[in-house]
C-alpha atoms as a PDB file:
ATOM      1  CA  MET A   1     -11.229  -8.629 -28.189  1.00  0.00           C
ATOM      2  CA  PHE A   2      -8.303  -9.241 -26.221  1.00  0.00           C
ATOM      3  CA  THR A   3      -7.980 -11.882 -23.751  1.00  0.00           C
ATOM      4  CA  ILE A   4      -5.711 -11.624 -20.134  1.00  0.00           C
ATOM      5  CA  TYR A   5      -4.737 -14.444 -17.922  1.00  0.00           C
ATOM      6  CA  GLY A   6      -3.119 -13.580 -14.681  1.00  0.00           C
ATOM      7  CA  ILE A   7      -3.232 -13.794 -11.005  1.00  0.00           C
ATOM      8  CA  LYS A   8      -6.302 -11.054  -9.891  1.00  0.00           C
ATOM      9  CA  ASN A   9      -3.663  -9.873  -7.014  1.00  0.00           C
ATOM     10  CA  CYS A  10      -0.525  -9.710  -8.838  1.00  0.00           C
ATOM     11  CA  ASP A  11       0.594  -6.556  -8.868  1.00  0.00           C
ATOM     12  CA  THR A  12       1.762  -6.867 -12.476  1.00  0.00           C
ATOM     13  CA  VAL A  13      -1.349  -8.158 -13.446  1.00  0.00           C
ATOM     14  CA  LYS A  14      -3.250  -5.640 -11.457  1.00  0.00           C
ATOM     15  CA  LYS A  15      -0.951  -2.936 -13.846  1.00  0.00           C
ATOM     16  CA  ALA A  16      -1.897  -4.216 -16.800  1.00  0.00           C
ATOM     17  CA  LEU A  17      -5.479  -4.138 -15.869  1.00  0.00           C
ATOM     18  CA  ASN A  18      -5.863  -0.849 -14.995  1.00  0.00           C
ATOM     19  CA  PHE A  19      -3.818   0.183 -18.168  1.00  0.00           C
ATOM     20  CA  LEU A  20      -6.794  -1.409 -20.572  1.00  0.00           C
ATOM     21  CA  ASP A  21      -9.414   0.190 -18.692  1.00  0.00           C
ATOM     22  CA  ASN A  22      -8.022   3.698 -18.584  1.00  0.00           C
ATOM     23  CA  LYS A  23      -7.973   3.376 -21.973  1.00  0.00           C
ATOM     24  CA  LYS A  24     -11.395   1.774 -22.447  1.00  0.00           C
ATOM     25  CA  ILE A  25     -10.281  -1.571 -24.104  1.00  0.00           C
ATOM     26  CA  LYS A  26     -12.423  -4.037 -23.804  1.00  0.00           C
ATOM     27  CA  TYR A  27     -11.115  -7.451 -22.599  1.00  0.00           C
ATOM     28  CA  THR A  28     -11.739 -10.544 -20.571  1.00  0.00           C
ATOM     29  CA  PHE A  29      -9.987 -11.613 -17.729  1.00  0.00           C
ATOM     30  CA  VAL A  30      -8.951 -14.992 -16.728  1.00  0.00           C
ATOM     31  CA  ASP A  31      -7.808 -15.782 -13.317  1.00  0.00           C
ATOM     32  CA  PHE A  32      -5.237 -18.835 -13.013  1.00  0.00           C
ATOM     33  CA  LYS A  33      -6.494 -19.341  -9.619  1.00  0.00           C
ATOM     34  CA  LYS A  34     -10.358 -19.738 -10.551  1.00  0.00           C
ATOM     35  CA  THR A  35      -9.370 -21.330 -14.293  1.00  0.00           C
ATOM     36  CA  PRO A  36      -6.090 -23.119 -14.663  1.00  0.00           C
ATOM     37  CA  PRO A  37      -4.477 -22.885 -17.883  1.00  0.00           C
ATOM     38  CA  SER A  38      -5.217 -25.966 -19.884  1.00  0.00           C
ATOM     39  CA  GLU A  39      -1.997 -28.049 -21.603  1.00  0.00           C
ATOM     40  CA  VAL A  40      -2.835 -26.475 -24.801  1.00  0.00           C
ATOM     41  CA  ASP A  41      -2.857 -23.041 -23.243  1.00  0.00           C
ATOM     42  CA  ILE A  42       0.360 -23.494 -22.041  1.00  0.00           C
ATOM     43  CA  LYS A  43       1.769 -25.259 -25.379  1.00  0.00           C
ATOM     44  CA  ARG A  44       0.399 -22.621 -27.070  1.00  0.00           C
ATOM     45  CA  TRP A  45       2.398 -19.519 -25.150  1.00  0.00           C
ATOM     46  CA  GLN A  46       5.517 -22.431 -25.034  1.00  0.00           C
ATOM     47  CA  LYS A  47       5.676 -21.578 -28.919  1.00  0.00           C
ATOM     48  CA  SER A  48       5.157 -17.960 -28.358  1.00  0.00           C
ATOM     49  CA  PHE A  49       7.464 -18.002 -25.611  1.00  0.00           C
ATOM     50  CA  GLY A  50      10.355 -20.211 -26.509  1.00  0.00           C
ATOM     51  CA  GLY A  51       9.846 -22.599 -23.683  1.00  0.00           C
ATOM     52  CA  LEU A  52       7.468 -23.036 -21.203  1.00  0.00           C
ATOM     53  CA  PRO A  53       5.897 -19.935 -19.886  1.00  0.00           C
ATOM     54  CA  VAL A  54       8.250 -19.885 -16.162  1.00  0.00           C
ATOM     55  CA  ASN A  55       8.775 -17.306 -14.205  1.00  0.00           C
ATOM     56  CA  LYS A  56      12.247 -18.237 -13.066  1.00  0.00           C
ATOM     57  CA  SER A  57      13.030 -15.091 -11.307  1.00  0.00           C
ATOM     58  CA  GLY A  58       9.691 -15.380  -9.169  1.00  0.00           C
ATOM     59  CA  PRO A  59       9.282 -17.220  -5.511  1.00  0.00           C
ATOM     60  CA  THR A  60       7.329 -19.698  -6.840  1.00  0.00           C
ATOM     61  CA  TYR A  61       9.387 -21.200  -9.090  1.00  0.00           C
ATOM     62  CA  ARG A  62      12.602 -21.181  -6.769  1.00  0.00           C
ATOM     63  CA  LYS A  63      10.866 -22.284  -4.230  1.00  0.00           C
ATOM     64  CA  TYR A  64      10.171 -25.689  -6.735  1.00  0.00           C
ATOM     65  CA  LYS A  65      12.731 -25.222  -8.979  1.00  0.00           C
ATOM     66  CA  GLU A  66      14.997 -28.857  -8.290  1.00  0.00           C
ATOM     67  CA  GLU A  67      11.668 -30.807  -8.776  1.00  0.00           C
ATOM     68  CA  PHE A  68      10.312 -28.957 -11.168  1.00  0.00           C
ATOM     69  CA  GLU A  69      13.552 -29.042 -13.215  1.00  0.00           C
ATOM     70  CA  SER A  70      13.465 -32.807 -12.724  1.00  0.00           C
ATOM     71  CA  LEU A  71      10.483 -33.523 -14.606  1.00  0.00           C
ATOM     72  CA  SER A  72      10.191 -34.259 -18.007  1.00  0.00           C
ATOM     73  CA  GLU A  73       8.151 -31.559 -20.297  1.00  0.00           C
ATOM     74  CA  ALA A  74       4.126 -33.359 -19.998  1.00  0.00           C
ATOM     75  CA  ARG A  75       5.124 -33.459 -16.171  1.00  0.00           C
ATOM     76  CA  GLN A  76       6.516 -29.440 -16.253  1.00  0.00           C
ATOM     77  CA  ILE A  77       2.929 -28.710 -18.241  1.00  0.00           C
ATOM     78  CA  GLN A  78       1.053 -30.440 -15.238  1.00  0.00           C
ATOM     79  CA  PHE A  79       3.191 -28.981 -12.694  1.00  0.00           C
ATOM     80  CA  ILE A  80       2.252 -25.658 -13.989  1.00  0.00           C
ATOM     81  CA  GLN A  81      -1.010 -26.204 -13.956  1.00  0.00           C
ATOM     82  CA  THR A  82      -1.251 -27.051 -10.003  1.00  0.00           C
ATOM     83  CA  GLN A  83       1.442 -24.047  -9.333  1.00  0.00           C
ATOM     84  CA  THR A  84       0.133 -21.692 -11.740  1.00  0.00           C
ATOM     85  CA  SER A  85       2.079 -18.696  -9.662  1.00  0.00           C
ATOM     86  CA  MET A  86       4.980 -20.427 -11.310  1.00  0.00           C
ATOM     87  CA  ILE A  87       3.452 -18.416 -15.095  1.00  0.00           C
ATOM     88  CA  LYS A  88       5.384 -15.454 -16.622  1.00  0.00           C
ATOM     89  CA  ARG A  89       1.975 -13.076 -16.407  1.00  0.00           C
ATOM     90  CA  PRO A  90       0.336 -11.541 -17.376  1.00  0.00           C
ATOM     91  CA  ILE A  91      -0.581 -13.122 -20.850  1.00  0.00           C
ATOM     92  CA  LEU A  92      -1.983 -11.098 -23.132  1.00  0.00           C
ATOM     93  CA  GLU A  93      -3.622 -12.288 -25.608  1.00  0.00           C
ATOM     94  CA  HIS A  94      -6.096 -11.123 -28.990  1.00  0.00           C
ATOM     95  CA  LYS A  95      -8.186 -13.848 -31.280  1.00  0.00           C
ATOM     96  CA  GLY A  96      -6.178 -16.576 -29.830  1.00  0.00           C
ATOM     97  CA  LYS A  97      -2.391 -15.138 -30.474  1.00  0.00           C
ATOM     98  CA  THR A  98      -0.190 -14.540 -28.304  1.00  0.00           C
ATOM     99  CA  LEU A  99       0.931 -10.948 -27.637  1.00  0.00           C
ATOM    100  CA  CYS A 100       2.684  -9.934 -24.637  1.00  0.00           C
ATOM    101  CA  PHE A 101       4.386 -11.624 -21.798  1.00  0.00           C
ATOM    102  CA  GLY A 102       4.683  -9.418 -18.625  1.00  0.00           C
ATOM    103  CA  PHE A 103       3.511  -6.064 -18.866  1.00  0.00           C
ATOM    104  CA  ASP A 104       5.219  -2.866 -20.263  1.00  0.00           C
ATOM    105  CA  PRO A 105       2.842   0.030 -20.681  1.00  0.00           C
ATOM    106  CA  GLU A 106       5.175   1.196 -24.101  1.00  0.00           C
ATOM    107  CA  ARG A 107       4.826  -2.375 -25.645  1.00  0.00           C
ATOM    108  CA  TYR A 108       1.062  -2.585 -24.440  1.00  0.00           C
ATOM    109  CA  SER A 109       0.395   1.415 -26.236  1.00  0.00           C
ATOM    110  CA  GLU A 110       1.943  -0.455 -29.280  1.00  0.00           C
ATOM    111  CA  LEU A 111      -0.250  -3.450 -29.390  1.00  0.00           C
ATOM    112  CA  VAL A 112      -3.125  -1.599 -28.426  1.00  0.00           C
ATOM    113  CA  ALA A 113      -2.716   0.497 -31.692  1.00  0.00           C
ATOM    114  CA  ASP A 114      -2.262  -2.105 -33.782  1.00  0.00           C
ATOM    115  CA  TYR A 115      -5.137  -4.020 -32.772  1.00  0.00           C
ATOM    116  CA  VAL A 116      -7.708  -1.880 -31.974  1.00  0.00           C
ATOM    117  CA  LYS A 117      -9.348  -1.522 -34.985  1.00  0.00           C
ATOM    118  CA  ASP A 118     -10.457  -5.112 -34.760  1.00  0.00           C
ATOM    119  CA  ILE A 119     -11.976  -4.242 -31.745  1.00  0.00           C
END
């Protein structure tokens, strides 16, 4: 089963959820506003993302950029946990493996085709 992380009212997350619903793909949705990510989650995404999973083009990052960039990595992780709108979303995972950040219908089609046999 897939797990998709994001914020329910985010347009990009809505597109991803609609895509999965239309393909009748089972998933669990984790809403950052109700369940903030753990340090373990962020470090897992960091490893897959090649850096902290921050949407540097988003308004939340731009608002807190100076403060965020001045922090140690440990404090940045804590900051992300409280300012979850900074996280690049949605994040799609399958069995604990991070597959994709953001939403691209073509990429999701490829991923679903690769993993649907396991569902």
